[in-house]
N, C-alpha and C. Protein backbone atom coordinates (compact mmCIF):
# COMPACT_ATOMS: atom_id res chain seq x y z
N MET A 1 137.67 172.98 86.52
CA MET A 1 136.47 172.33 86.03
C MET A 1 136.80 170.88 85.68
N GLN A 2 135.98 169.96 86.14
CA GLN A 2 136.19 168.54 85.90
C GLN A 2 135.33 168.07 84.74
N LYS A 3 135.96 167.30 83.86
CA LYS A 3 135.23 166.76 82.72
C LYS A 3 134.40 165.56 83.16
N THR A 4 133.23 165.44 82.63
CA THR A 4 132.40 164.26 82.84
C THR A 4 132.46 163.41 81.58
N ILE A 5 132.83 162.16 81.77
CA ILE A 5 132.92 161.25 80.64
C ILE A 5 131.69 160.36 80.65
N LEU A 6 130.98 160.38 79.56
CA LEU A 6 129.79 159.54 79.44
C LEU A 6 130.11 158.35 78.55
N TYR A 7 129.79 157.17 79.03
CA TYR A 7 130.00 155.96 78.24
C TYR A 7 128.64 155.44 77.79
N PHE A 8 128.53 155.15 76.53
CA PHE A 8 127.30 154.57 76.02
C PHE A 8 127.65 153.67 74.84
N LYS A 9 126.76 152.79 74.56
CA LYS A 9 126.98 151.79 73.52
C LYS A 9 126.13 152.13 72.31
N LEU A 10 126.76 152.19 71.16
CA LEU A 10 126.04 152.41 69.92
C LEU A 10 125.79 151.07 69.25
N GLY A 11 124.62 150.88 68.76
CA GLY A 11 124.34 149.68 68.00
C GLY A 11 123.94 148.50 68.84
N LYS A 12 123.96 147.34 68.21
CA LYS A 12 123.54 146.10 68.84
C LYS A 12 124.54 145.01 68.49
N ASN A 13 124.47 143.90 69.21
CA ASN A 13 125.33 142.75 68.91
C ASN A 13 124.76 142.01 67.72
N LEU A 14 125.62 141.65 66.81
CA LEU A 14 125.21 140.96 65.60
C LEU A 14 125.99 139.65 65.49
N GLN A 15 125.28 138.59 65.23
CA GLN A 15 125.88 137.27 65.04
C GLN A 15 125.73 136.90 63.57
N VAL A 16 126.85 136.60 62.91
CA VAL A 16 126.84 136.28 61.48
C VAL A 16 127.42 134.88 61.28
N THR A 17 126.74 134.08 60.47
CA THR A 17 127.22 132.73 60.12
C THR A 17 127.52 132.71 58.63
N THR A 18 128.72 132.22 58.29
CA THR A 18 129.13 132.15 56.89
C THR A 18 129.44 130.72 56.50
N ASP A 19 129.43 130.46 55.20
CA ASP A 19 129.80 129.14 54.71
C ASP A 19 131.29 129.11 54.39
N GLN A 20 131.75 128.02 53.79
CA GLN A 20 133.17 127.86 53.49
C GLN A 20 133.69 128.87 52.49
N PHE A 21 132.80 129.52 51.75
CA PHE A 21 133.19 130.56 50.80
C PHE A 21 133.02 131.95 51.38
N HIS A 22 132.73 132.03 52.68
CA HIS A 22 132.53 133.28 53.42
C HIS A 22 131.31 134.05 52.96
N LEU A 23 130.33 133.33 52.43
CA LEU A 23 129.05 133.94 52.09
C LEU A 23 128.14 133.84 53.31
N ILE A 24 127.44 134.89 53.61
CA ILE A 24 126.56 134.91 54.79
C ILE A 24 125.36 134.00 54.53
N ILE A 25 125.16 133.02 55.44
CA ILE A 25 124.00 132.14 55.32
C ILE A 25 122.99 132.37 56.44
N ASP A 26 123.38 133.11 57.48
CA ASP A 26 122.46 133.41 58.58
C ASP A 26 123.00 134.60 59.35
N PHE A 27 122.09 135.38 59.91
CA PHE A 27 122.50 136.45 60.82
C PHE A 27 121.39 136.66 61.84
N GLU A 28 121.77 137.24 62.97
CA GLU A 28 120.80 137.53 64.01
C GLU A 28 121.28 138.73 64.82
N VAL A 29 120.39 139.65 65.08
CA VAL A 29 120.67 140.75 65.98
C VAL A 29 120.30 140.26 67.37
N LYS A 30 121.29 140.23 68.25
CA LYS A 30 121.07 139.67 69.58
C LYS A 30 120.82 140.77 70.59
N GLU A 31 119.75 140.60 71.35
CA GLU A 31 119.45 141.50 72.45
C GLU A 31 119.28 140.67 73.70
N ASN A 32 120.00 141.01 74.74
CA ASN A 32 119.91 140.30 76.02
C ASN A 32 120.15 138.80 75.88
N MET A 33 121.11 138.42 75.04
CA MET A 33 121.43 137.01 74.85
C MET A 33 122.94 136.86 74.83
N THR A 34 123.45 135.92 75.61
CA THR A 34 124.88 135.67 75.60
C THR A 34 125.22 134.76 74.42
N ASP A 35 126.50 134.72 74.07
CA ASP A 35 126.92 133.91 72.93
C ASP A 35 126.58 132.44 73.12
N ASN A 36 126.86 131.89 74.31
CA ASN A 36 126.62 130.46 74.50
C ASN A 36 125.14 130.11 74.50
N ASN A 37 124.26 131.06 74.77
CA ASN A 37 122.82 130.81 74.69
C ASN A 37 122.28 130.95 73.28
N ALA A 38 123.08 131.44 72.37
CA ALA A 38 122.64 131.64 70.98
C ALA A 38 122.87 130.42 70.10
N VAL A 39 123.63 129.44 70.59
CA VAL A 39 124.01 128.29 69.76
C VAL A 39 122.81 127.42 69.38
N ILE A 40 121.94 127.10 70.32
CA ILE A 40 120.81 126.20 70.05
C ILE A 40 119.85 126.79 69.00
N PRO A 41 119.39 128.05 69.17
CA PRO A 41 118.53 128.61 68.12
C PRO A 41 119.24 128.71 66.77
N LEU A 42 120.54 129.02 66.80
CA LEU A 42 121.32 129.08 65.57
C LEU A 42 121.38 127.71 64.90
N ALA A 43 121.66 126.68 65.67
CA ALA A 43 121.73 125.33 65.12
C ALA A 43 120.39 124.91 64.53
N ASP A 44 119.29 125.26 65.19
CA ASP A 44 117.96 124.94 64.65
C ASP A 44 117.76 125.56 63.28
N ARG A 45 118.13 126.83 63.15
CA ARG A 45 117.94 127.52 61.86
C ARG A 45 118.85 126.95 60.78
N ILE A 46 120.12 126.76 61.10
CA ILE A 46 121.09 126.33 60.10
C ILE A 46 120.87 124.88 59.70
N LEU A 47 120.70 123.98 60.66
CA LEU A 47 120.59 122.56 60.36
C LEU A 47 119.27 122.21 59.67
N SER A 48 118.26 123.06 59.81
CA SER A 48 117.00 122.79 59.11
C SER A 48 117.11 123.10 57.62
N LYS A 49 118.08 123.92 57.22
CA LYS A 49 118.22 124.32 55.82
C LYS A 49 119.47 123.79 55.14
N ASN A 50 120.48 123.40 55.92
CA ASN A 50 121.79 123.08 55.35
C ASN A 50 122.35 121.79 55.94
N LYS A 51 123.18 121.12 55.18
CA LYS A 51 123.97 120.00 55.67
C LYS A 51 125.29 120.57 56.14
N VAL A 52 125.65 120.33 57.40
CA VAL A 52 126.85 120.91 57.98
C VAL A 52 127.88 119.80 58.19
N PHE A 53 129.07 119.98 57.64
CA PHE A 53 130.14 119.00 57.80
C PHE A 53 131.13 119.43 58.87
N SER A 54 131.26 120.73 59.08
CA SER A 54 132.12 121.25 60.14
C SER A 54 131.57 122.60 60.57
N TRP A 55 131.90 122.94 61.83
CA TRP A 55 131.39 124.18 62.38
C TRP A 55 132.42 124.75 63.33
N SER A 56 132.67 126.03 63.25
CA SER A 56 133.66 126.68 64.11
C SER A 56 132.99 127.81 64.88
N PHE A 57 133.25 127.85 66.18
CA PHE A 57 132.72 128.91 67.04
C PHE A 57 133.86 129.55 67.82
N ASP A 58 133.68 130.80 68.21
CA ASP A 58 134.59 131.42 69.16
C ASP A 58 134.38 130.76 70.51
N LYS A 59 135.37 130.88 71.42
CA LYS A 59 135.26 130.18 72.69
C LYS A 59 134.13 130.72 73.57
N GLY A 60 133.64 131.92 73.32
CA GLY A 60 132.52 132.45 74.09
C GLY A 60 131.22 131.69 73.87
N TYR A 61 131.17 130.90 72.80
CA TYR A 61 129.97 130.12 72.48
C TYR A 61 129.98 128.75 73.17
N PHE A 62 131.07 128.40 73.82
CA PHE A 62 131.20 127.06 74.39
C PHE A 62 130.34 126.87 75.64
N SER A 63 129.71 125.72 75.71
CA SER A 63 129.13 125.18 76.93
C SER A 63 129.05 123.68 76.74
N LYS A 64 129.03 122.95 77.83
CA LYS A 64 128.99 121.50 77.74
C LYS A 64 127.72 121.04 77.01
N GLU A 65 126.61 121.70 77.28
CA GLU A 65 125.34 121.34 76.64
C GLU A 65 125.40 121.57 75.13
N ASN A 66 125.98 122.70 74.72
CA ASN A 66 126.11 122.98 73.28
C ASN A 66 126.98 121.92 72.61
N LYS A 67 128.08 121.56 73.25
CA LYS A 67 128.98 120.57 72.69
C LYS A 67 128.26 119.23 72.50
N GLU A 68 127.52 118.81 73.53
CA GLU A 68 126.82 117.52 73.45
C GLU A 68 125.74 117.54 72.38
N LEU A 69 125.00 118.62 72.29
CA LEU A 69 123.94 118.70 71.29
C LEU A 69 124.50 118.69 69.87
N LEU A 70 125.49 119.53 69.62
CA LEU A 70 126.06 119.61 68.27
C LEU A 70 126.82 118.34 67.90
N ALA A 71 127.33 117.62 68.89
CA ALA A 71 128.03 116.37 68.61
C ALA A 71 127.10 115.34 67.99
N LEU A 72 125.80 115.46 68.25
CA LEU A 72 124.84 114.55 67.64
C LEU A 72 124.77 114.73 66.13
N PHE A 73 125.05 115.94 65.66
CA PHE A 73 124.95 116.26 64.24
C PHE A 73 126.30 116.33 63.56
N ILE A 74 127.32 116.77 64.29
CA ILE A 74 128.64 116.98 63.71
C ILE A 74 129.68 116.42 64.69
N GLY A 75 129.59 115.15 65.02
CA GLY A 75 130.33 114.52 66.09
C GLY A 75 131.84 114.74 66.11
N SER A 76 132.54 114.36 65.06
CA SER A 76 133.99 114.40 65.11
C SER A 76 134.53 115.82 65.16
N PHE A 77 133.87 116.74 64.48
CA PHE A 77 134.34 118.12 64.47
C PHE A 77 134.27 118.75 65.85
N ILE A 78 133.20 118.52 66.56
CA ILE A 78 133.00 119.12 67.88
C ILE A 78 134.08 118.65 68.84
N LYS A 79 134.38 117.37 68.82
CA LYS A 79 135.39 116.82 69.74
C LYS A 79 136.76 117.43 69.47
N GLU A 80 137.11 117.64 68.21
CA GLU A 80 138.42 118.17 67.86
C GLU A 80 138.57 119.64 68.22
N CYS A 81 137.53 120.43 68.01
CA CYS A 81 137.66 121.89 68.14
C CYS A 81 137.36 122.41 69.54
N TRP A 82 136.47 121.75 70.26
CA TRP A 82 136.16 122.24 71.60
C TRP A 82 136.89 121.40 72.56
């Protein structure tokens, strides 16, 4: 008798943004959205409420467009980290 292995995914992708004290300041449950496509809506939400001096992303969030856009608000940090 052959075993059948079923693969399925539990849950959803969650994006969490924290401040320098590791307090959550934003979160989003992502459906059908890649990491690099989530940066612009995230920046809109965060920059409308907070002054950002530095920002760190995983490399999956990188795109040339994201770098150029965020450089307008956080210029020196973007150049150093990406």
